[in-house]
Protein backbone atom coordinates (compact mmCIF):
# COMPACT_ATOMS: atom_id res chain seq x y z
CA MET A 1 -21.88 27.86 -12.83
CA GLU A 2 -25.02 30.01 -13.18
CA LEU A 3 -27.05 27.18 -11.61
CA HIS A 4 -24.80 27.09 -8.53
CA ILE A 5 -25.10 30.87 -8.12
CA LEU A 6 -28.90 30.64 -8.48
CA LEU A 7 -29.10 27.86 -5.86
CA LEU A 8 -26.94 29.88 -3.46
CA PHE A 9 -29.11 32.96 -3.99
CA VAL A 10 -32.33 31.03 -3.38
CA THR A 11 -30.88 29.41 -0.26
CA LEU A 12 -29.81 32.76 1.18
CA LEU A 13 -33.20 34.26 0.35
CA VAL A 14 -35.01 31.43 2.16
CA LEU A 15 -32.76 31.74 5.21
CA ILE A 16 -33.07 35.52 5.43
CA THR A 17 -36.86 35.30 5.04
CA ARG A 18 -37.03 32.73 7.86
CA PHE A 19 -34.79 34.93 9.99
CA ILE A 20 -37.14 37.90 9.52
CA LEU A 21 -40.22 35.77 10.20
CA ASN A 22 -38.64 34.31 13.33
CA ARG A 23 -37.95 37.81 14.64
CA HIS A 24 -41.46 38.91 13.82
CA GLY A 25 -42.94 35.85 15.58
CA SER A 26 -40.79 36.21 18.67
CA LYS A 27 -43.30 38.26 20.66
CA ASN A 28 -43.51 36.98 24.26
CA GLN A 29 -40.98 34.22 23.67
CA PRO A 30 -38.47 33.63 26.47
CA PRO A 31 -35.44 35.94 26.50
CA GLY A 32 -32.13 34.79 25.13
CA PRO A 33 -28.87 35.84 23.51
CA THR A 34 -29.00 37.63 20.16
CA GLY A 35 -27.88 35.34 17.39
CA LEU A 36 -26.07 35.91 14.14
CA PRO A 37 -27.92 35.99 10.82
CA ILE A 38 -28.64 32.53 9.41
CA ILE A 39 -26.79 30.43 12.04
CA GLY A 40 -28.37 32.07 15.09
CA ASN A 41 -26.68 30.91 18.31
CA LEU A 42 -25.10 27.74 16.92
CA HIS A 43 -21.61 29.19 17.26
CA GLN A 44 -22.12 29.70 21.01
CA LEU A 45 -22.84 26.08 21.98
CA GLY A 46 -19.24 24.87 22.00
CA PRO A 47 -18.10 21.29 22.76
CA LYS A 48 -20.04 21.16 26.06
CA PRO A 49 -23.52 22.56 25.39
CA HIS A 50 -24.79 21.67 28.88
CA CYS A 51 -22.14 23.94 30.44
CA THR A 52 -22.68 26.74 27.90
CA LEU A 53 -26.45 26.71 28.42
CA SER A 54 -25.99 26.69 32.19
CA SER A 55 -23.80 29.80 31.96
CA LEU A 56 -26.25 31.56 29.63
CA ALA A 57 -29.12 30.80 32.04
CA GLN A 58 -27.33 32.87 34.70
CA THR A 59 -27.77 35.87 32.39
CA TYR A 60 -31.12 35.18 30.72
CA GLY A 61 -32.96 33.31 33.44
CA PRO A 62 -34.38 29.83 34.13
CA ILE A 63 -36.25 29.75 30.82
CA MET A 64 -34.57 31.14 27.72
CA SER A 65 -34.72 30.73 23.97
CA LEU A 66 -32.03 30.36 21.37
CA ARG A 67 -32.17 30.16 17.61
CA LEU A 68 -30.12 27.29 16.25
CA GLY A 69 -30.19 27.69 12.49
CA SER A 70 -33.87 27.70 11.53
CA VAL A 71 -34.96 25.99 14.78
CA THR A 72 -36.05 27.78 17.95
CA VAL A 73 -34.93 25.95 21.09
CA VAL A 74 -36.25 26.78 24.57
CA VAL A 75 -34.06 25.73 27.53
CA ALA A 76 -35.40 25.14 31.06
CA SER A 77 -32.80 25.40 33.83
CA SER A 78 -34.76 25.43 37.09
CA PRO A 79 -36.99 22.96 38.95
CA GLY A 80 -40.01 25.25 38.49
CA THR A 81 -39.73 25.55 34.72
CA ALA A 82 -38.92 21.83 34.43
CA GLN A 83 -42.06 20.99 36.40
CA GLU A 84 -44.24 23.20 34.17
CA ILE A 85 -42.91 21.44 31.07
CA LEU A 86 -42.66 17.84 32.28
CA GLN A 87 -45.68 17.67 34.58
CA LYS A 88 -48.18 20.52 34.12
CA ASN A 89 -47.93 20.56 30.30
CA ASP A 90 -46.63 17.06 29.66
CA GLN A 91 -49.29 16.35 27.02
CA ALA A 92 -48.11 19.29 24.94
CA PHE A 93 -44.54 17.99 25.11
CA ALA A 94 -45.31 14.30 24.57
CA SER A 95 -43.25 13.98 21.37
CA ARG A 96 -39.62 14.44 20.46
CA PRO A 97 -37.72 15.83 17.48
CA ILE A 98 -35.66 13.01 15.98
CA PRO A 99 -32.02 13.91 15.26
CA GLU A 100 -30.65 12.69 11.96
CA SER A 101 -28.12 10.52 13.78
CA VAL A 102 -31.01 8.70 15.49
CA ALA A 103 -33.03 8.53 12.26
CA ALA A 104 -30.17 6.51 10.76
CA GLN A 105 -31.33 3.39 12.60
CA PRO A 106 -33.84 0.94 11.13
CA ASN A 107 -37.46 1.40 12.29
CA VAL A 108 -36.76 4.53 14.35
CA GLY A 109 -40.52 5.00 14.83
CA ASP A 110 -40.59 1.79 16.88
CA THR A 111 -38.17 3.01 19.54
CA LEU A 112 -39.46 3.86 22.99
CA ALA A 113 -37.13 6.83 23.47
CA TRP A 114 -37.86 8.68 20.22
CA ALA A 115 -41.25 7.54 18.91
CA PRO A 116 -44.11 10.10 18.85
CA GLY A 117 -46.17 10.12 22.05
CA ASP A 118 -49.21 8.57 20.41
CA SER A 119 -51.43 5.59 21.31
CA ARG A 120 -48.97 3.14 19.81
CA TRP A 121 -46.17 4.53 21.98
CA ARG A 122 -48.44 4.41 25.05
CA ASN A 123 -49.16 0.72 24.44
CA ARG A 124 -45.48 -0.09 24.15
CA ARG A 125 -44.63 1.89 27.26
CA ARG A 126 -47.44 0.15 29.15
CA VAL A 127 -45.89 -3.23 28.32
CA CYS A 128 -42.52 -2.02 29.60
CA THR A 129 -43.78 -0.55 32.86
CA THR A 130 -46.28 -3.30 33.74
CA GLN A 131 -44.52 -6.42 32.49
CA ILE A 132 -40.80 -5.74 32.06
CA PHE A 133 -39.62 -3.28 34.70
CA THR A 134 -41.85 -4.45 37.54
CA ALA A 135 -40.25 -5.50 40.82
CA GLN A 136 -41.57 -9.03 40.33
CA ARG A 137 -40.03 -9.41 36.87
CA LEU A 138 -36.73 -7.90 37.97
CA ASP A 139 -36.62 -10.19 41.02
CA LEU A 140 -37.27 -13.21 38.80
CA LEU A 141 -34.07 -12.56 36.83
CA GLN A 142 -31.79 -11.25 39.57
CA HIS A 143 -29.93 -14.57 39.85
CA LEU A 144 -28.58 -13.99 36.32
CA ARG A 145 -27.29 -10.53 37.24
CA HIS A 146 -25.78 -11.89 40.47
CA ARG A 147 -23.81 -14.44 38.47
CA LYS A 148 -22.47 -11.74 36.13
CA VAL A 149 -21.30 -9.59 39.04
CA GLN A 150 -19.47 -12.52 40.58
CA GLU A 151 -17.75 -13.15 37.25
CA VAL A 152 -16.42 -9.59 37.13
CA VAL A 153 -15.26 -9.91 40.74
CA GLN A 154 -13.28 -13.04 39.77
CA HIS A 155 -11.84 -11.19 36.78
CA LEU A 156 -10.74 -8.32 39.04
CA ARG A 157 -9.17 -10.73 41.52
CA LYS A 158 -6.84 -11.93 38.77
CA GLN A 159 -5.83 -8.33 38.08
CA ALA A 160 -5.40 -7.70 41.81
CA SER A 161 -3.01 -10.64 42.14
CA ASN A 162 -0.76 -8.97 39.54
CA GLY A 163 -1.17 -5.45 40.92
CA THR A 164 -2.55 -4.42 37.52
CA ALA A 165 -4.48 -1.20 36.99
CA VAL A 166 -7.95 -1.77 35.53
CA ASP A 167 -9.89 0.37 33.07
CA ILE A 168 -12.95 0.84 35.28
CA GLY A 169 -15.13 2.22 32.49
CA GLU A 170 -14.49 -0.70 30.17
CA VAL A 171 -15.01 -3.32 32.88
CA ALA A 172 -18.16 -1.57 34.11
CA PHE A 173 -19.51 -1.23 30.57
CA ALA A 174 -18.81 -4.89 29.74
CA THR A 175 -20.46 -6.06 32.94
CA MET A 176 -23.47 -3.80 32.45
CA LEU A 177 -23.77 -5.08 28.89
CA ASN A 178 -23.82 -8.67 30.16
CA LEU A 179 -26.22 -7.76 32.99
CA MET A 180 -28.54 -6.24 30.38
CA SER A 181 -28.00 -9.09 27.94
CA ASN A 182 -28.88 -11.68 30.56
CA THR A 183 -31.97 -9.73 31.58
CA VAL A 184 -33.14 -9.53 27.95
CA PHE A 185 -31.71 -12.68 26.34
CA SER A 186 -30.48 -14.87 29.24
CA GLU A 187 -27.02 -14.95 27.67
CA ASP A 188 -23.81 -12.92 27.43
CA LEU A 189 -22.71 -10.48 24.76
CA VAL A 190 -19.20 -10.09 26.16
CA ASP A 191 -16.83 -13.03 26.66
CA PRO A 192 -15.63 -13.93 30.19
CA ALA A 193 -12.18 -12.43 29.57
CA PHE A 194 -13.81 -9.12 28.49
CA GLU A 195 -11.79 -9.18 25.25
CA SER A 196 -14.79 -8.26 23.08
CA ALA A 197 -15.84 -5.38 25.35
CA GLY A 198 -13.75 -2.76 23.54
CA GLU A 199 -15.42 -3.23 20.16
CA LEU A 200 -18.97 -3.18 21.57
CA LYS A 201 -18.22 -0.17 23.75
CA GLU A 202 -16.95 1.68 20.68
CA VAL A 203 -20.09 0.73 18.74
CA VAL A 204 -22.42 2.00 21.48
CA TRP A 205 -20.39 5.15 22.18
CA ARG A 206 -20.40 6.03 18.46
CA ILE A 207 -24.21 6.08 18.64
CA MET A 208 -24.23 8.24 21.80
CA GLU A 209 -21.51 10.61 20.60
CA ASP A 210 -23.07 11.18 17.18
CA ALA A 211 -26.51 11.74 18.73
CA GLY A 212 -25.03 14.53 20.84
CA LYS A 213 -23.13 16.29 18.05
CA VAL A 214 -24.23 19.66 16.74
CA ASN A 215 -25.35 18.47 13.31
CA ILE A 216 -26.13 21.07 10.64
CA SER A 217 -28.79 18.75 9.20
CA ASP A 218 -30.84 19.02 12.41
CA TYR A 219 -30.94 22.82 12.32
CA PHE A 220 -31.29 23.36 8.57
CA PRO A 221 -33.79 20.61 7.65
CA PHE A 222 -33.68 21.38 3.91
CA LEU A 223 -30.01 20.28 3.97
CA LYS A 224 -30.75 16.86 5.52
CA TRP A 225 -30.40 14.98 2.27
CA LEU A 226 -26.78 16.15 1.90
CA ASP A 227 -25.62 14.78 5.31
CA LEU A 228 -22.88 17.41 5.13
CA GLN A 229 -21.01 16.21 8.23
CA GLY A 230 -21.43 12.53 7.36
CA VAL A 231 -23.02 11.84 10.77
CA LYS A 232 -25.77 9.61 9.39
CA ARG A 233 -23.34 7.56 7.30
CA HIS A 234 -20.93 7.25 10.21
CA VAL A 235 -23.45 6.05 12.79
CA ARG A 236 -25.46 3.72 10.54
CA VAL A 237 -22.63 1.15 10.76
CA SER A 238 -23.14 0.87 14.53
CA TYR A 239 -26.89 0.42 14.24
CA VAL A 240 -26.51 -2.30 11.63
CA ARG A 241 -23.92 -4.10 13.79
CA LEU A 242 -26.23 -4.17 16.83
CA HIS A 243 -29.27 -5.18 14.78
CA ASP A 244 -27.27 -8.09 13.33
CA ILE A 245 -26.49 -9.29 16.87
CA PHE A 246 -30.14 -8.99 17.88
CA ASP A 247 -31.29 -10.80 14.72
CA ARG A 248 -29.19 -13.82 15.64
CA MET A 249 -30.45 -13.95 19.21
CA ILE A 250 -34.11 -13.42 18.31
CA LEU A 251 -34.02 -16.04 15.54
CA THR A 252 -32.49 -18.59 17.93
CA ARG A 253 -35.19 -17.89 20.52
CA VAL A 254 -38.04 -18.12 17.98
CA GLU A 255 -36.74 -21.53 16.90
CA GLU A 256 -36.49 -22.66 20.53
CA ARG A 257 -40.06 -21.57 21.22
CA GLU A 258 -41.32 -23.42 18.15
CA SER A 259 -39.64 -26.59 19.38
CA SER A 260 -41.62 -26.30 22.64
CA ARG A 261 -38.64 -25.67 24.89
CA VAL A 262 -39.32 -24.24 28.33
CA ALA A 263 -39.66 -20.45 28.29
CA LYS A 264 -36.81 -18.56 29.98
CA GLY A 265 -39.07 -15.82 31.31
CA ASP A 266 -36.70 -13.03 30.28
CA PHE A 267 -37.56 -9.75 28.54
CA LEU A 268 -37.33 -11.32 25.08
CA ASP A 269 -39.94 -13.93 26.00
CA VAL A 270 -42.26 -11.14 27.17
CA LEU A 271 -41.84 -9.27 23.87
CA LEU A 272 -42.28 -12.39 21.73
CA ASP A 273 -45.43 -13.26 23.69
CA HIS A 274 -46.85 -9.90 22.66
CA CYS A 275 -45.78 -10.49 19.06
CA GLN A 276 -48.01 -13.58 19.07
CA GLN A 277 -50.95 -12.10 20.96
CA GLY A 278 -51.80 -9.18 18.69
CA ASP A 279 -52.82 -7.07 21.69
CA GLY A 280 -52.58 -3.65 20.06
CA SER A 281 -48.96 -3.03 21.02
CA ASP A 282 -47.92 -3.56 17.36
CA PHE A 283 -45.02 -5.81 18.30
CA THR A 284 -43.43 -7.88 15.54
CA VAL A 285 -40.05 -9.57 15.36
CA GLN A 286 -38.82 -6.54 13.37
CA THR A 287 -40.34 -3.80 15.52
CA ILE A 288 -39.10 -5.13 18.86
CA LYS A 289 -35.46 -4.67 17.79
CA PRO A 290 -35.46 -0.85 18.17
CA LEU A 291 -36.96 -1.27 21.64
CA ILE A 292 -34.26 -3.79 22.58
CA LEU A 293 -31.67 -1.36 21.21
CA ASP A 294 -33.05 1.35 23.52
CA LEU A 295 -32.79 -0.99 26.49
CA PHE A 296 -29.21 -1.96 25.68
CA ILE A 297 -27.94 1.55 25.10
CA ALA A 298 -29.63 2.94 28.20
CA GLY A 299 -28.70 -0.09 30.28
CA SER A 300 -25.07 -0.46 29.28
CA ASP A 301 -23.67 2.93 28.28
CA THR A 302 -25.35 5.12 30.86
CA SER A 303 -25.13 2.61 33.73
CA GLY A 304 -21.51 1.74 32.94
CA SER A 305 -20.60 5.42 32.72
CA THR A 306 -22.37 6.19 36.02
CA THR A 307 -20.40 3.40 37.71
CA GLU A 308 -17.15 4.86 36.36
CA TRP A 309 -18.08 8.35 37.61
CA ALA A 310 -18.99 6.90 41.02
CA MET A 311 -15.64 5.15 41.35
CA ALA A 312 -13.82 8.30 40.23
CA GLU A 313 -15.61 10.37 42.88
CA LEU A 314 -14.85 7.75 45.54
CA LEU A 315 -11.16 7.70 44.62
CA ARG A 316 -11.15 11.49 44.94
CA ASN A 317 -12.87 11.19 48.32
CA PRO A 318 -11.18 8.32 50.24
CA LYS A 319 -13.21 8.93 53.42
CA VAL A 320 -16.45 8.46 51.51
CA MET A 321 -15.09 5.29 49.91
CA GLN A 322 -14.04 3.93 53.29
CA ARG A 323 -17.44 4.63 54.84
CA GLY A 324 -19.15 2.90 51.90
CA ARG A 325 -16.87 -0.13 52.18
CA GLU A 326 -17.44 -0.40 55.92
CA GLU A 327 -21.21 -0.38 55.38
CA VAL A 328 -21.10 -3.14 52.77
CA ILE A 329 -18.86 -5.37 54.90
CA LYS A 330 -21.00 -4.77 57.99
CA VAL A 331 -24.21 -5.69 56.16
CA ILE A 332 -22.87 -8.52 53.97
CA GLY A 333 -19.98 -9.88 56.02
CA THR A 334 -16.65 -10.88 54.55
CA SER A 335 -17.53 -14.39 53.43
CA ASN A 336 -20.84 -13.73 51.67
CA GLU A 337 -21.53 -12.30 48.22
CA VAL A 338 -23.43 -9.10 47.50
CA LYS A 339 -26.94 -9.68 46.13
CA GLU A 340 -29.71 -7.41 44.90
CA SER A 341 -31.79 -8.35 47.93
CA ASP A 342 -29.13 -6.62 50.08
CA ILE A 343 -29.60 -3.23 48.38
CA PRO A 344 -32.39 -1.92 50.69
CA LYS A 345 -30.01 -2.36 53.64
CA LEU A 346 -27.19 -0.39 51.96
CA GLY A 347 -28.41 3.16 52.63
CA TYR A 348 -25.02 4.85 52.22
CA ILE A 349 -24.23 3.01 48.97
CA GLN A 350 -27.60 4.15 47.64
CA ALA A 351 -26.71 7.70 48.67
CA ILE A 352 -23.40 7.45 46.80
CA VAL A 353 -25.27 6.40 43.65
CA LYS A 354 -27.77 9.27 44.03
CA GLU A 355 -25.01 11.82 44.56
CA THR A 356 -23.17 10.53 41.48
CA LEU A 357 -26.34 10.90 39.41
CA ARG A 358 -26.77 14.46 40.71
CA LEU A 359 -23.30 15.59 39.66
CA HIS A 360 -23.09 13.41 36.56
CA PRO A 361 -26.61 12.85 35.19
CA PRO A 362 -26.47 10.25 32.40
CA VAL A 363 -28.22 12.53 29.87
CA PRO A 364 -27.30 16.09 30.92
CA LEU A 365 -29.88 17.85 28.71
CA LEU A 366 -32.38 14.99 28.90
CA LEU A 367 -33.75 14.00 25.51
CA PRO A 368 -35.34 16.90 23.60
CA TYR A 369 -39.07 17.61 23.43
CA VAL A 370 -41.12 19.40 20.78
CA ALA A 371 -44.19 21.55 21.47
CA GLY A 372 -47.35 20.07 19.95
CA HIS A 373 -49.13 23.44 20.22
CA ASP A 374 -48.54 26.91 21.70
CA VAL A 375 -47.97 26.63 25.45
CA GLU A 376 -47.50 29.25 28.16
CA VAL A 377 -44.66 28.47 30.57
CA SER A 378 -43.56 30.89 33.30
CA GLY A 379 -45.40 33.73 31.54
CA TYR A 380 -43.71 33.13 28.19
CA THR A 381 -45.04 31.43 25.07
CA ILE A 382 -43.40 28.30 23.68
CA ARG A 383 -44.72 28.07 20.15
CA LYS A 384 -45.83 24.97 18.30
CA GLY A 385 -42.83 23.26 16.75
CA ASN A 386 -40.30 24.81 19.15
CA GLN A 387 -37.87 22.32 20.63
CA VAL A 388 -37.40 22.18 24.40
CA LEU A 389 -34.38 21.09 26.42
CA VAL A 390 -34.30 20.55 30.19
CA ASN A 391 -30.81 21.08 31.59
CA ALA A 392 -30.75 18.39 34.30
CA TRP A 393 -27.00 18.90 34.73
CA SER A 394 -27.49 22.58 35.58
CA ILE A 395 -30.48 21.93 37.85
CA GLY A 396 -28.50 19.36 39.86
CA ARG A 397 -25.71 21.91 40.47
CA ASN A 398 -27.88 24.94 41.23
CA PRO A 399 -26.77 26.57 44.52
CA HIS A 400 -30.33 27.86 45.11
CA PHE A 401 -31.51 24.28 45.60
CA TRP A 402 -28.35 22.42 46.67
CA GLU A 403 -25.96 23.38 49.46
CA ASP A 404 -22.30 23.30 48.29
CA PRO A 405 -23.48 21.84 44.96
CA LEU A 406 -20.03 21.10 43.56
CA LEU A 407 -19.01 18.95 46.53
CA PHE A 408 -19.44 15.18 46.36
CA GLU A 409 -21.42 14.64 49.56
CA PRO A 410 -23.63 11.51 49.67
CA GLU A 411 -24.71 12.45 53.19
CA ARG A 412 -27.08 15.05 51.72
CA PHE A 413 -29.30 12.17 50.53
CA LEU A 414 -29.33 10.62 53.99
CA ARG A 415 -30.81 13.88 55.29
CA SER A 416 -33.57 14.18 52.68
CA ASN A 417 -36.20 12.15 50.86
CA VAL A 418 -35.32 13.54 47.42
CA ASP A 419 -35.42 10.72 44.88
CA PHE A 420 -35.02 10.15 41.14
CA LYS A 421 -38.55 8.85 40.48
CA GLY A 422 -39.68 12.07 38.80
CA ARG A 423 -41.46 13.74 41.71
CA ASP A 424 -38.57 15.99 42.83
CA PHE A 425 -37.83 18.47 40.06
CA GLU A 426 -34.56 19.68 41.56
CA TYR A 427 -33.20 16.21 40.79
CA LEU A 428 -33.94 14.74 37.35
CA PRO A 429 -31.27 12.19 36.35
CA PHE A 430 -33.92 10.01 34.65
CA GLY A 431 -36.29 12.81 33.62
CA ALA A 432 -39.92 13.10 34.76
CA GLY A 433 -43.46 13.01 33.47
CA ARG A 434 -44.81 10.65 30.86
CA ARG A 435 -41.44 10.30 29.14
CA ILE A 436 -39.40 9.52 32.23
CA CYS A 437 -36.92 6.71 31.55
CA PRO A 438 -38.98 3.55 32.21
CA GLY A 439 -35.86 1.49 32.90
CA PHE A 440 -34.65 3.43 35.95
CA PRO A 441 -35.66 0.64 38.41
CA LEU A 442 -33.33 -1.77 36.59
CA ALA A 443 -30.57 0.83 36.13
CA ASN A 444 -30.60 1.64 39.84
CA ARG A 445 -30.36 -2.04 40.77
CA MET A 446 -27.48 -2.69 38.38
CA ILE A 447 -25.41 0.36 39.34
CA THR A 448 -25.90 -0.16 43.08
CA LEU A 449 -25.13 -3.89 42.86
CA MET A 450 -21.96 -3.29 40.83
CA LEU A 451 -20.68 -0.55 43.10
CA ALA A 452 -21.41 -2.54 46.25
CA ALA A 453 -19.55 -5.56 44.82
CA PHE A 454 -16.54 -3.42 43.88
CA LEU A 455 -16.31 -2.00 47.41
CA HIS A 456 -17.07 -5.28 49.17
CA SER A 457 -14.39 -7.31 47.40
CA PHE A 458 -11.57 -4.79 47.05
CA GLN A 459 -9.81 -1.78 48.35
CA TRP A 460 -8.81 0.56 45.52
CA SER A 461 -5.84 2.79 44.77
CA LEU A 462 -4.83 5.09 41.96
CA PRO A 463 -1.85 4.29 39.70
CA GLN A 464 1.55 5.71 40.61
CA GLY A 465 1.76 9.42 39.84
CA VAL A 466 -1.97 10.04 40.14
CA THR A 467 -3.44 11.50 43.32
CA PRO A 468 -7.04 12.28 44.35
CA GLN A 469 -6.24 15.94 43.69
CA THR A 470 -4.83 15.38 40.18
CA LEU A 471 -7.37 12.81 38.95
CA ASP A 472 -8.76 14.13 35.65
CA MET A 473 -12.55 14.59 35.84
CA THR A 474 -13.01 16.22 32.42
CA GLU A 475 -16.30 15.37 30.72
CA GLN A 476 -16.77 14.31 27.11
CA TYR A 477 -20.14 15.30 25.72
CA GLY A 478 -22.31 13.01 23.65
CA ILE A 479 -26.02 12.65 24.19
CA THR A 480 -24.66 11.16 27.42
CA LEU A 481 -21.69 12.33 29.48
CA LYS A 482 -18.67 10.12 29.78
CA LYS A 483 -15.29 10.60 31.36
CA LEU A 484 -12.81 11.95 28.80
CA SER A 485 -9.79 10.23 30.36
CA PRO A 486 -10.62 6.58 31.18
CA LEU A 487 -10.43 5.88 34.90
CA ARG A 488 -7.69 3.41 35.75
CA ALA A 489 -7.49 2.03 39.29
CA ILE A 490 -5.78 -0.87 41.06
CA PRO A 491 -7.96 -3.40 42.91
CA ILE A 492 -6.42 -4.72 46.13
CA SER A 493 -7.87 -7.94 47.54
CA GLY A 494 -8.73 -8.15 51.21
């Protein structure tokens, strides 16, 4: 009993000492709400931190600081502060803090999303940007993605013949998973009847949800070993499941390559080529799995969720949906199939995708950054070791930069050249700077192709009892944003 009391006393002493030191070292740090002893501002985050932080920014300004446990977090909520962090001082913020939920995966240091921004990371990113996500490589594999989209159209036609409502999120996720799987492995992960989609969606969402949870272990590092909320134990099952799937596919491909079969030219072949070349990218059969995991999660969960949000917004705005459908039919015709090569001619569909990404950015707070040294931003000092969040959700809804920001109005993107390539800091759905999402060219193709195919092949209606005005648009926060109530809609052929 005395030991427990002693441990509690020592713990409280350490926390109070850190609290005093943090206050002493807070000179010239960005303003922010006063926190409670020990826990700081943790109690204020709530279930939707992106919304809470957006509201706090209205009081404390476009750059503010909070104390979450023993960690100081600086939040940027304007294009100007985001540009200073992601462009002007991008070298200082080249690395990320790794949440315990993410650290649960094997070889976390070999991911592209979370690895330190060192030379090894730069080599891996170079391979992705110059050999995987190039227009030439994406064009080479577009026939595989075209086939997957036609399969989902056939699946939806069966539902349309029965007048059955479809879970848009699940169908979109399953299709995106197969689009990604064919781009990486040249084969499907989900069966043609979409019966295995539910399990895989649950596995991926568990990873995204746990990564977005407020986890005590992340804010009181000396408690990590206890895993008090069980987050690490809970999510590890999902990582192991996905790694098992990748192991099978990689082993099969290695055996095929050893038997001198013709290369498929997909992403896996590119990665295995680098495994054999020893070109400084440090690729091995084991270390490419975390990279593939990054591609799958970003390609399936975020793209599938964006497609669901787009369809929800269109069902709430029938005139916008009708204009989009008329454009697709005019460009494609009624007897042809939508292809990726048609996308440049579908200006309004592209605008719908951009507007969806503005209102529903896939990662609302982007992924966190950590300061490598003291940095001055907007006249304030971000100290070495401070974590930094960029509230892309708040920036995309800021009335100072967007007219009628809460309205779904794709036309705004027909009137401007604002794009998501990281140059326009009022619009950051994929981030910016050196750690911008390298897969955005593929994500944009997949989302636009899927949405165009949905509108080209079907008219859509809501189930009985649901109207555009009553459609539930409540968000569920993970590290990504998904729709809390799954969108169900009825495809109508013709």
